[in-house]
Amino acid sequence: MENKGQSFRILCDAVCILNFAGRNYKGVIVNISLTGALIRIDANAPEGIKPGGECSLMLCGDAEECPIKYKCKIIRTDAKCVGVQFSELSCFP
C-alpha cells in the first residue's frame, strides 16, 4: 500500500472503463483508495478532459456487463493518466 494524500492507496492492475463526454475509454487502474483512483488510459487522455470535470468509472472491461458505475470528479490529468475522486455510486440490476 502507498499513502499519498489523505487515504491509503492500493496498487493494482485492474481493467476499467472511464466514461467522459459520452465516450468510453479503456484503461487500467494504477492505484485505488476509498476516495478515488488513478487510471492509465490505453489511448491518449481524451481531448477536453481537465481537473474539475465530471466522468464516471466502471470497474470492468466491458461496459455492457458492468453493474456498478462510480460518478467521479477529475482531479488531475497528464498524457496517459487521469486521477479521479469518487462522488457517487450507482448500481444497475
Protein backbone atom coordinates (compact mmCIF):
# COMPACT_ATOMS: atom_id res chain seq x y z
CA MET A 1 0.00 0.00 0.00
CA GLU A 2 1.01 3.53 -0.67
CA ASN A 3 -0.02 6.62 1.29
CA LYS A 4 -0.49 9.74 -0.84
CA GLY A 5 -2.68 12.48 0.45
CA GLN A 6 -5.36 11.62 2.98
CA SER A 7 -6.08 7.93 2.37
CA PHE A 8 -4.13 4.77 1.71
CA ARG A 9 -3.92 3.69 -1.90
CA ILE A 10 -3.76 0.09 -3.02
CA LEU A 11 -1.59 -0.62 -6.05
CA CYS A 12 -3.40 -2.72 -8.62
CA ASP A 13 -3.56 -3.56 -12.29
CA ALA A 14 -7.29 -3.96 -12.91
CA VAL A 15 -9.04 -3.16 -16.19
CA CYS A 16 -11.65 -0.40 -16.15
CA ILE A 17 -13.64 1.92 -18.37
CA LEU A 18 -13.61 5.68 -17.96
CA ASN A 19 -16.63 7.44 -19.47
CA PHE A 20 -16.06 11.08 -20.36
CA ALA A 21 -18.26 13.28 -22.55
CA GLY A 22 -20.38 10.29 -23.57
CA ARG A 23 -17.44 8.15 -24.77
CA ASN A 24 -15.88 5.10 -23.14
CA TYR A 25 -12.10 4.83 -22.78
CA LYS A 26 -10.49 1.54 -21.76
CA GLY A 27 -7.83 1.75 -19.13
CA VAL A 28 -6.11 0.19 -16.15
CA ILE A 29 -6.42 1.23 -12.52
CA VAL A 30 -2.90 2.03 -11.30
CA ASN A 31 -3.99 2.58 -7.69
CA ILE A 32 -7.27 2.94 -5.83
CA SER A 33 -8.42 4.17 -2.42
CA LEU A 34 -11.73 4.72 -0.68
CA THR A 35 -11.91 8.22 -2.15
CA GLY A 36 -10.54 7.88 -5.69
CA ALA A 37 -8.31 6.21 -8.25
CA LEU A 38 -5.50 6.82 -10.72
CA ILE A 39 -6.33 5.42 -14.16
CA ARG A 40 -3.88 4.84 -17.02
CA ILE A 41 -5.80 5.29 -20.29
CA ASP A 42 -4.96 2.96 -23.21
CA ALA A 43 -5.14 5.87 -25.67
CA ASN A 44 -4.07 9.45 -25.06
CA ALA A 45 -6.14 11.29 -22.47
CA PRO A 46 -9.44 12.42 -24.01
CA GLU A 47 -9.47 15.91 -25.51
CA GLY A 48 -11.10 18.42 -23.18
CA ILE A 49 -10.54 16.41 -20.02
CA LYS A 50 -9.31 18.67 -17.23
CA PRO A 51 -9.47 18.98 -13.45
CA GLY A 52 -12.94 19.80 -12.18
CA GLY A 53 -14.69 17.91 -15.00
CA GLU A 54 -17.14 15.08 -14.40
CA CYS A 55 -16.79 11.50 -15.57
CA SER A 56 -17.73 8.00 -14.49
CA LEU A 57 -15.68 4.89 -13.83
CA MET A 58 -16.70 1.27 -14.36
CA LEU A 59 -14.58 -1.43 -12.72
CA CYS A 60 -14.69 -3.92 -15.58
CA GLY A 61 -13.53 -4.34 -19.16
CA ASP A 62 -16.97 -4.42 -20.85
CA ALA A 63 -19.42 -1.53 -20.35
CA GLU A 64 -22.39 -3.79 -21.20
CA GLU A 65 -21.60 -6.09 -18.26
CA CYS A 66 -20.76 -3.53 -15.57
CA PRO A 67 -23.40 -3.44 -12.82
CA ILE A 68 -21.68 -0.61 -10.92
CA LYS A 69 -20.71 2.86 -12.06
CA TYR A 70 -18.89 5.46 -9.95
CA LYS A 71 -19.56 9.11 -10.68
CA CYS A 72 -16.27 10.97 -10.36
CA LYS A 73 -14.68 14.38 -10.40
CA ILE A 74 -11.42 14.72 -12.34
CA ILE A 75 -8.64 15.79 -10.01
CA ARG A 76 -5.58 15.65 -12.27
CA THR A 77 -4.54 14.62 -15.79
CA ASP A 78 -1.45 14.06 -17.89
CA ALA A 79 -0.81 12.47 -21.29
CA LYS A 80 -1.69 8.92 -20.17
CA CYS A 81 -3.25 9.10 -16.67
CA VAL A 82 -6.36 10.56 -15.08
CA GLY A 83 -6.81 10.97 -11.33
CA VAL A 84 -10.43 10.89 -10.14
CA GLN A 85 -12.26 11.44 -6.87
CA PHE A 86 -15.38 9.33 -6.29
CA SER A 87 -18.57 11.32 -5.73
CA GLU A 88 -21.44 8.84 -6.14
CA LEU A 89 -22.04 5.11 -6.64
CA SER A 90 -24.76 3.81 -8.96
CA CYS A 91 -25.82 0.16 -9.14
CA PHE A 92 -27.74 -1.33 -12.06
CA PRO A 93 -29.80 -4.55 -11.86
